[in-house]
Amino acid sequence: MTPIHELLNRILWDQEFARGEFRIGYFDREEGQLVRVPLAQIHLTPGEHFFFQAADRDGCVHEIPFHRIKELYKDGKLIWHREH
C-alpha cells in the first residue's frame, strides 16, 4: 500500500492526478470518530512525513499525525484507506 504522505505529495505535485475534489477522513481523538474534511481545508507542508495541520470547528489549528488518516476520497470515490 502506498504511504499516505506519498499519495498526498502526489496530489501536490502531479497536476493531472490532482484534478478533482479530494477529502480526507482522519480519526479525531477528542470526538472519538472519523472526521472528513476537504483537502483544500488542511495545510500540507511539502516534505513533511509526520503530520498535517487542520482547523477544528472553533478555528483552532491542530497538528494531526498522518497515521490518523484513515481514508482518502477523490470526487466522492474512496481511493485509499487503512483499517480503523
PDB file of N, CA and C in Angstrom:
ATOM      1  N   MET A   1       0.841  -1.173   0.000  1.00  0.00           N
ATOM      2  CA  MET A   1       0.000   0.000   0.000  1.00  0.00           C
ATOM      3  C   MET A   1       0.892   1.243   0.000  1.00  0.00           C
ATOM      4  N   THR A   2       0.501   2.233  -0.763  1.00  0.00           N
ATOM      5  CA  THR A   2       1.230   3.493  -0.836  1.00  0.00           C
ATOM      6  C   THR A   2       1.073   4.255   0.480  1.00  0.00           C
ATOM      7  N   PRO A   3       2.165   4.708   1.083  1.00  0.00           N
ATOM      8  CA  PRO A   3       2.040   5.513   2.300  1.00  0.00           C
ATOM      9  C   PRO A   3       1.257   6.795   2.010  1.00  0.00           C
ATOM     10  N   ILE A   4       0.436   7.215   2.966  1.00  0.00           N
ATOM     11  CA  ILE A   4      -0.442   8.366   2.751  1.00  0.00           C
ATOM     12  C   ILE A   4       0.347   9.634   2.442  1.00  0.00           C
ATOM     13  N   HIS A   5       1.501   9.849   3.071  1.00  0.00           N
ATOM     14  CA  HIS A   5       2.240  11.083   2.789  1.00  0.00           C
ATOM     15  C   HIS A   5       2.733  11.114   1.345  1.00  0.00           C
ATOM     16  N   GLU A   6       3.029   9.945   0.761  1.00  0.00           N
ATOM     17  CA  GLU A   6       3.434   9.903  -0.647  1.00  0.00           C
ATOM     18  C   GLU A   6       2.263  10.224  -1.560  1.00  0.00           C
ATOM     19  N   LEU A   7       1.093   9.711  -1.230  1.00  0.00           N
ATOM     20  CA  LEU A   7      -0.099   9.994  -2.026  1.00  0.00           C
ATOM     21  C   LEU A   7      -0.466  11.478  -1.945  1.00  0.00           C
ATOM     22  N   LEU A   8      -0.382  12.058  -0.766  1.00  0.00           N
ATOM     23  CA  LEU A   8      -0.670  13.484  -0.623  1.00  0.00           C
ATOM     24  C   LEU A   8       0.343  14.335  -1.378  1.00  0.00           C
ATOM     25  N   ASN A   9       1.606  13.944  -1.359  1.00  0.00           N
ATOM     26  CA  ASN A   9       2.617  14.663  -2.140  1.00  0.00           C
ATOM     27  C   ASN A   9       2.331  14.555  -3.634  1.00  0.00           C
ATOM     28  N   ARG A  10       1.824  13.419  -4.068  1.00  0.00           N
ATOM     29  CA  ARG A  10       1.461  13.271  -5.482  1.00  0.00           C
ATOM     30  C   ARG A  10       0.351  14.259  -5.856  1.00  0.00           C
ATOM     31  N   ILE A  11      -0.603  14.435  -4.963  1.00  0.00           N
ATOM     32  CA  ILE A  11      -1.675  15.409  -5.212  1.00  0.00           C
ATOM     33  C   ILE A  11      -1.083  16.814  -5.322  1.00  0.00           C
ATOM     34  N   LEU A  12      -0.093  17.132  -4.488  1.00  0.00           N
ATOM     35  CA  LEU A  12       0.537  18.451  -4.524  1.00  0.00           C
ATOM     36  C   LEU A  12       1.331  18.695  -5.800  1.00  0.00           C
ATOM     37  N   TRP A  13       1.994  17.661  -6.310  1.00  0.00           N
ATOM     38  CA  TRP A  13       2.957  17.864  -7.388  1.00  0.00           C
ATOM     39  C   TRP A  13       2.534  17.329  -8.753  1.00  0.00           C
ATOM     40  N   ASP A  14       1.559  16.457  -8.827  1.00  0.00           N
ATOM     41  CA  ASP A  14       1.117  15.876 -10.103  1.00  0.00           C
ATOM     42  C   ASP A  14      -0.200  16.542 -10.514  1.00  0.00           C
ATOM     43  N   GLN A  15      -0.103  17.535 -11.385  1.00  0.00           N
ATOM     44  CA  GLN A  15      -1.281  18.320 -11.750  1.00  0.00           C
ATOM     45  C   GLN A  15      -2.380  17.467 -12.384  1.00  0.00           C
ATOM     46  N   GLU A  16      -2.014  16.486 -13.146  1.00  0.00           N
ATOM     47  CA  GLU A  16      -3.015  15.615 -13.782  1.00  0.00           C
ATOM     48  C   GLU A  16      -3.776  14.810 -12.728  1.00  0.00           C
ATOM     49  N   PHE A  17      -3.062  14.188 -11.817  1.00  0.00           N
ATOM     50  CA  PHE A  17      -3.693  13.400 -10.755  1.00  0.00           C
ATOM     51  C   PHE A  17      -4.512  14.288  -9.814  1.00  0.00           C
ATOM     52  N   ALA A  18      -4.055  15.524  -9.604  1.00  0.00           N
ATOM     53  CA  ALA A  18      -4.681  16.425  -8.631  1.00  0.00           C
ATOM     54  C   ALA A  18      -6.006  17.010  -9.108  1.00  0.00           C
ATOM     55  N   ARG A  19      -6.379  16.765 -10.352  1.00  0.00           N
ATOM     56  CA  ARG A  19      -7.667  17.276 -10.822  1.00  0.00           C
ATOM     57  C   ARG A  19      -8.786  16.535 -10.116  1.00  0.00           C
ATOM     58  N   GLY A  20      -9.658  17.280  -9.505  1.00  0.00           N
ATOM     59  CA  GLY A  20     -10.770  16.673  -8.797  1.00  0.00           C
ATOM     60  C   GLY A  20     -10.879  17.241  -7.401  1.00  0.00           C
ATOM     61  N   GLU A  21     -11.883  16.758  -6.697  1.00  0.00           N
ATOM     62  CA  GLU A  21     -12.120  17.195  -5.323  1.00  0.00           C
ATOM     63  C   GLU A  21     -11.708  16.082  -4.374  1.00  0.00           C
ATOM     64  N   PHE A  22     -10.796  16.388  -3.471  1.00  0.00           N
ATOM     65  CA  PHE A  22     -10.287  15.411  -2.518  1.00  0.00           C
ATOM     66  C   PHE A  22     -10.812  15.712  -1.119  1.00  0.00           C
ATOM     67  N   ARG A  23     -11.087  14.650  -0.374  1.00  0.00           N
ATOM     68  CA  ARG A  23     -11.478  14.743   1.036  1.00  0.00           C
ATOM     69  C   ARG A  23     -10.682  13.685   1.795  1.00  0.00           C
ATOM     70  N   ILE A  24     -10.241  14.050   2.990  1.00  0.00           N
ATOM     71  CA  ILE A  24      -9.585  13.059   3.832  1.00  0.00           C
ATOM     72  C   ILE A  24     -10.483  12.747   5.014  1.00  0.00           C
ATOM     73  N   GLY A  25     -10.361  11.539   5.513  1.00  0.00           N
ATOM     74  CA  GLY A  25     -11.044  11.141   6.733  1.00  0.00           C
ATOM     75  C   GLY A  25      -9.971  10.782   7.745  1.00  0.00           C
ATOM     76  N   TYR A  26      -9.958  11.485   8.858  1.00  0.00           N
ATOM     77  CA  TYR A  26      -8.978  11.184   9.897  1.00  0.00           C
ATOM     78  C   TYR A  26      -9.695  10.950  11.214  1.00  0.00           C
ATOM     79  N   PHE A  27      -9.060  10.176  12.078  1.00  0.00           N
ATOM     80  CA  PHE A  27      -9.638   9.889  13.387  1.00  0.00           C
ATOM     81  C   PHE A  27      -9.343  11.039  14.327  1.00  0.00           C
ATOM     82  N   ASP A  28     -10.401  11.640  14.844  1.00  0.00           N
ATOM     83  CA  ASP A  28     -10.275  12.723  15.814  1.00  0.00           C
ATOM     84  C   ASP A  28     -10.401  12.119  17.208  1.00  0.00           C
ATOM     85  N   ARG A  29      -9.336  12.196  17.982  1.00  0.00           N
ATOM     86  CA  ARG A  29      -9.325  11.592  19.317  1.00  0.00           C
ATOM     87  C   ARG A  29     -10.310  12.256  20.264  1.00  0.00           C
ATOM     88  N   GLU A  30     -10.464  13.572  20.161  1.00  0.00           N
ATOM     89  CA  GLU A  30     -11.382  14.269  21.068  1.00  0.00           C
ATOM     90  C   GLU A  30     -12.830  13.906  20.782  1.00  0.00           C
ATOM     91  N   GLU A  31     -13.179  13.798  19.500  1.00  0.00           N
ATOM     92  CA  GLU A  31     -14.550  13.449  19.137  1.00  0.00           C
ATOM     93  C   GLU A  31     -14.768  11.935  19.160  1.00  0.00           C
ATOM     94  N   GLY A  32     -13.682  11.175  19.104  1.00  0.00           N
ATOM     95  CA  GLY A  32     -13.791   9.721  19.113  1.00  0.00           C
ATOM     96  C   GLY A  32     -14.406   9.151  17.863  1.00  0.00           C
ATOM     97  N   GLN A  33     -14.246   9.865  16.749  1.00  0.00           N
ATOM     98  CA  GLN A  33     -14.839   9.407  15.499  1.00  0.00           C
ATOM     99  C   GLN A  33     -14.030   9.900  14.304  1.00  0.00           C
ATOM    100  N   LEU A  34     -14.389   9.378  13.144  1.00  0.00           N
ATOM    101  CA  LEU A  34     -13.766   9.777  11.898  1.00  0.00           C
ATOM    102  C   LEU A  34     -14.343  11.123  11.459  1.00  0.00           C
ATOM    103  N   VAL A  35     -13.469  12.043  11.092  1.00  0.00           N
ATOM    104  CA  VAL A  35     -13.865  13.362  10.617  1.00  0.00           C
ATOM    105  C   VAL A  35     -13.415  13.470   9.167  1.00  0.00           C
ATOM    106  N   ARG A  36     -14.316  13.869   8.284  1.00  0.00           N
ATOM    107  CA  ARG A  36     -13.983  14.042   6.862  1.00  0.00           C
ATOM    108  C   ARG A  36     -13.951  15.533   6.539  1.00  0.00           C
ATOM    109  N   VAL A  37     -12.842  15.959   5.937  1.00  0.00           N
ATOM    110  CA  VAL A  37     -12.682  17.364   5.577  1.00  0.00           C
ATOM    111  C   VAL A  37     -12.125  17.470   4.156  1.00  0.00           C
ATOM    112  N   PRO A  38     -12.493  18.546   3.448  1.00  0.00           N
ATOM    113  CA  PRO A  38     -11.904  18.770   2.126  1.00  0.00           C
ATOM    114  C   PRO A  38     -10.394  18.979   2.257  1.00  0.00           C
ATOM    115  N   LEU A  39      -9.664  18.407   1.342  1.00  0.00           N
ATOM    116  CA  LEU A  39      -8.208  18.547   1.356  1.00  0.00           C
ATOM    117  C   LEU A  39      -7.810  20.020   1.279  1.00  0.00           C
ATOM    118  N   ALA A  40      -8.628  20.831   0.617  1.00  0.00           N
ATOM    119  CA  ALA A  40      -8.341  22.263   0.497  1.00  0.00           C
ATOM    120  C   ALA A  40      -8.363  22.972   1.858  1.00  0.00           C
ATOM    121  N   GLN A  41      -8.950  22.367   2.868  1.00  0.00           N
ATOM    122  CA  GLN A  41      -9.041  22.996   4.183  1.00  0.00           C
ATOM    123  C   GLN A  41      -7.934  22.572   5.140  1.00  0.00           C
ATOM    124  N   ILE A  42      -7.011  21.749   4.671  1.00  0.00           N
ATOM    125  CA  ILE A  42      -5.881  21.379   5.527  1.00  0.00           C
ATOM    126  C   ILE A  42      -4.601  21.961   4.938  1.00  0.00           C
ATOM    127  N   HIS A  43      -3.590  22.053   5.770  1.00  0.00           N
ATOM    128  CA  HIS A  43      -2.306  22.575   5.313  1.00  0.00           C
ATOM    129  C   HIS A  43      -1.282  21.445   5.315  1.00  0.00           C
ATOM    130  N   LEU A  44      -0.722  21.201   4.124  1.00  0.00           N
ATOM    131  CA  LEU A  44       0.345  20.205   3.973  1.00  0.00           C
ATOM    132  C   LEU A  44       1.649  20.939   3.744  1.00  0.00           C
ATOM    133  N   THR A  45       2.661  20.591   4.499  1.00  0.00           N
ATOM    134  CA  THR A  45       3.985  21.160   4.313  1.00  0.00           C
ATOM    135  C   THR A  45       4.774  20.206   3.430  1.00  0.00           C
ATOM    136  N   PRO A  46       5.221  20.658   2.233  1.00  0.00           N
ATOM    137  CA  PRO A  46       5.986  19.765   1.360  1.00  0.00           C
ATOM    138  C   PRO A  46       7.176  19.151   2.094  1.00  0.00           C
ATOM    139  N   GLY A  47       7.322  17.847   1.958  1.00  0.00           N
ATOM    140  CA  GLY A  47       8.424  17.140   2.592  1.00  0.00           C
ATOM    141  C   GLY A  47       8.145  16.675   4.006  1.00  0.00           C
ATOM    142  N   GLU A  48       7.044  17.121   4.593  1.00  0.00           N
ATOM    143  CA  GLU A  48       6.694  16.713   5.960  1.00  0.00           C
ATOM    144  C   GLU A  48       6.103  15.306   5.927  1.00  0.00           C
ATOM    145  N   HIS A  49       6.686  14.390   6.686  1.00  0.00           N
ATOM    146  CA  HIS A  49       6.262  12.989   6.668  1.00  0.00           C
ATOM    147  C   HIS A  49       5.513  12.560   7.932  1.00  0.00           C
ATOM    148  N   PHE A  50       5.271  13.483   8.853  1.00  0.00           N
ATOM    149  CA  PHE A  50       4.700  13.084  10.130  1.00  0.00           C
ATOM    150  C   PHE A  50       3.323  13.668  10.442  1.00  0.00           C
ATOM    151  N   PHE A  51       3.023  14.875   9.983  1.00  0.00           N
ATOM    152  CA  PHE A  51       1.740  15.488  10.332  1.00  0.00           C
ATOM    153  C   PHE A  51       1.293  16.503   9.285  1.00  0.00           C
ATOM    154  N   PHE A  52       0.025  16.870   9.387  1.00  0.00           N
ATOM    155  CA  PHE A  52      -0.544  17.977   8.625  1.00  0.00           C
ATOM    156  C   PHE A  52      -1.273  18.870   9.611  1.00  0.00           C
ATOM    157  N   GLN A  53      -1.687  20.035   9.171  1.00  0.00           N
ATOM    158  CA  GLN A  53      -2.398  20.957  10.042  1.00  0.00           C
ATOM    159  C   GLN A  53      -3.843  21.103   9.569  1.00  0.00           C
ATOM    160  N   ALA A  54      -4.763  21.138  10.519  1.00  0.00           N
ATOM    161  CA  ALA A  54      -6.180  21.320  10.216  1.00  0.00           C
ATOM    162  C   ALA A  54      -6.812  22.153  11.324  1.00  0.00           C
ATOM    163  N   ALA A  55      -7.791  22.952  10.932  1.00  0.00           N
ATOM    164  CA  ALA A  55      -8.517  23.768  11.909  1.00  0.00           C
ATOM    165  C   ALA A  55      -9.765  23.018  12.353  1.00  0.00           C
ATOM    166  N   ASP A  56     -10.077  23.112  13.639  1.00  0.00           N
ATOM    167  CA  ASP A  56     -11.301  22.496  14.143  1.00  0.00           C
ATOM    168  C   ASP A  56     -12.480  23.449  13.934  1.00  0.00           C
ATOM    169  N   ARG A  57     -13.625  23.071  14.442  1.00  0.00           N
ATOM    170  CA  ARG A  57     -14.842  23.883  14.256  1.00  0.00           C
ATOM    171  C   ARG A  57     -14.722  25.282  14.850  1.00  0.00           C
ATOM    172  N   ASP A  58     -13.871  25.429  15.866  1.00  0.00           N
ATOM    173  CA  ASP A  58     -13.684  26.732  16.514  1.00  0.00           C
ATOM    174  C   ASP A  58     -12.578  27.557  15.868  1.00  0.00           C
ATOM    175  N   GLY A  59     -11.940  27.024  14.818  1.00  0.00           N
ATOM    176  CA  GLY A  59     -10.874  27.741  14.129  1.00  0.00           C
ATOM    177  C   GLY A  59      -9.500  27.526  14.722  1.00  0.00           C
ATOM    178  N   CYS A  60      -9.394  26.669  15.737  1.00  0.00           N
ATOM    179  CA  CYS A  60      -8.110  26.346  16.364  1.00  0.00           C
ATOM    180  C   CYS A  60      -7.347  25.377  15.457  1.00  0.00           C
ATOM    181  N   VAL A  61      -6.093  25.677  15.164  1.00  0.00           N
ATOM    182  CA  VAL A  61      -5.282  24.832  14.282  1.00  0.00           C
ATOM    183  C   VAL A  61      -4.575  23.759  15.104  1.00  0.00           C
ATOM    184  N   HIS A  62      -4.655  22.513  14.605  1.00  0.00           N
ATOM    185  CA  HIS A  62      -4.028  21.374  15.270  1.00  0.00           C
ATOM    186  C   HIS A  62      -3.099  20.659  14.300  1.00  0.00           C
ATOM    187  N   GLU A  63      -2.032  20.082  14.830  1.00  0.00           N
ATOM    188  CA  GLU A  63      -1.158  19.213  14.047  1.00  0.00           C
ATOM    189  C   GLU A  63      -1.675  17.793  14.227  1.00  0.00           C
ATOM    190  N   ILE A  64      -1.995  17.148  13.106  1.00  0.00           N
ATOM    191  CA  ILE A  64      -2.577  15.810  13.140  1.00  0.00           C
ATOM    192  C   ILE A  64      -1.614  14.844  12.467  1.00  0.00           C
ATOM    193  N   PRO A  65      -1.197  13.801  13.164  1.00  0.00           N
ATOM    194  CA  PRO A  65      -0.258  12.836  12.579  1.00  0.00           C
ATOM    195  C   PRO A  65      -0.880  12.120  11.371  1.00  0.00           C
ATOM    196  N   PHE A  66      -0.052  11.874  10.375  1.00  0.00           N
ATOM    197  CA  PHE A  66      -0.524  11.176   9.177  1.00  0.00           C
ATOM    198  C   PHE A  66      -1.111   9.802   9.505  1.00  0.00           C
ATOM    199  N   HIS A  67      -0.622   9.148  10.556  1.00  0.00           N
ATOM    200  CA  HIS A  67      -1.136   7.802  10.852  1.00  0.00           C
ATOM    201  C   HIS A  67      -2.598   7.820  11.280  1.00  0.00           C
ATOM    202  N   ARG A  68      -3.135   9.003  11.592  1.00  0.00           N
ATOM    203  CA  ARG A  68      -4.559   9.093  11.939  1.00  0.00           C
ATOM    204  C   ARG A  68      -5.448   9.265  10.717  1.00  0.00           C
ATOM    205  N   ILE A  69      -4.842   9.464   9.525  1.00  0.00           N
ATOM    206  CA  ILE A  69      -5.647   9.495   8.300  1.00  0.00           C
ATOM    207  C   ILE A  69      -6.062   8.065   7.996  1.00  0.00           C
ATOM    208  N   LYS A  70      -7.349   7.860   7.836  1.00  0.00           N
ATOM    209  CA  LYS A  70      -7.894   6.518   7.591  1.00  0.00           C
ATOM    210  C   LYS A  70      -8.490   6.370   6.207  1.00  0.00           C
ATOM    211  N   GLU A  71      -8.848   7.485   5.542  1.00  0.00           N
ATOM    212  CA  GLU A  71      -9.489   7.421   4.236  1.00  0.00           C
ATOM    213  C   GLU A  71      -9.074   8.613   3.383  1.00  0.00           C
ATOM    214  N   LEU A  72      -9.078   8.402   2.059  1.00  0.00           N
ATOM    215  CA  LEU A  72      -8.882   9.485   1.105  1.00  0.00           C
ATOM    216  C   LEU A  72      -9.866   9.271  -0.032  1.00  0.00           C
ATOM    217  N   TYR A  73     -10.626  10.310  -0.340  1.00  0.00           N
ATOM    218  CA  TYR A  73     -11.633  10.270  -1.400  1.00  0.00           C
ATOM    219  C   TYR A  73     -11.242  11.228  -2.514  1.00  0.00           C
ATOM    220  N   LYS A  74     -11.528  10.828  -3.740  1.00  0.00           N
ATOM    221  CA  LYS A  74     -11.377  11.701  -4.901  1.00  0.00           C
ATOM    222  C   LYS A  74     -12.707  11.709  -5.621  1.00  0.00           C
ATOM    223  N   ASP A  75     -13.300  12.896  -5.766  1.00  0.00           N
ATOM    224  CA  ASP A  75     -14.603  13.053  -6.411  1.00  0.00           C
ATOM    225  C   ASP A  75     -15.642  12.097  -5.821  1.00  0.00           C
ATOM    226  N   GLY A  76     -15.613  11.951  -4.500  1.00  0.00           N
ATOM    227  CA  GLY A  76     -16.586  11.133  -3.793  1.00  0.00           C
ATOM    228  C   GLY A  76     -16.302   9.643  -3.782  1.00  0.00           C
ATOM    229  N   LYS A  77     -15.244   9.204  -4.457  1.00  0.00           N
ATOM    230  CA  LYS A  77     -14.898   7.783  -4.522  1.00  0.00           C
ATOM    231  C   LYS A  77     -13.710   7.496  -3.598  1.00  0.00           C
ATOM    232  N   LEU A  78     -13.837   6.471  -2.769  1.00  0.00           N
ATOM    233  CA  LEU A  78     -12.753   6.071  -1.874  1.00  0.00           C
ATOM    234  C   LEU A  78     -11.594   5.534  -2.706  1.00  0.00           C
ATOM    235  N   ILE A  79     -10.409   6.180  -2.597  1.00  0.00           N
ATOM    236  CA  ILE A  79      -9.254   5.734  -3.382  1.00  0.00           C
ATOM    237  C   ILE A  79      -8.130   5.175  -2.512  1.00  0.00           C
ATOM    238  N   TRP A  80      -8.246   5.376  -1.189  1.00  0.00           N
ATOM    239  CA  TRP A  80      -7.209   4.867  -0.277  1.00  0.00           C
ATOM    240  C   TRP A  80      -7.848   4.730   1.094  1.00  0.00           C
ATOM    241  N   HIS A  81      -7.482   3.665   1.815  1.00  0.00           N
ATOM    242  CA  HIS A  81      -7.941   3.524   3.195  1.00  0.00           C
ATOM    243  C   HIS A  81      -7.013   2.602   3.965  1.00  0.00           C
ATOM    244  N   ARG A  82      -7.071   2.756   5.248  1.00  0.00           N
ATOM    245  CA  ARG A  82      -6.400   1.822   6.167  1.00  0.00           C
ATOM    246  C   ARG A  82      -7.421   1.474   7.231  1.00  0.00           C
ATOM    247  N   GLU A  83      -7.230   0.353   7.849  1.00  0.00           N
ATOM    248  CA  GLU A  83      -8.190  -0.120   8.859  1.00  0.00           C
ATOM    249  C   GLU A  83      -8.321   0.886   9.998  1.00  0.00           C
ATOM    250  N   HIS A  84      -9.515   1.024  10.492  1.00  0.00           N
ATOM    251  CA  HIS A  84      -9.806   1.953  11.602  1.00  0.00           C
ATOM    252  C   HIS A  84      -9.334   1.319  12.839  1.00  0.00           C
TER     253      HIS A  84
END
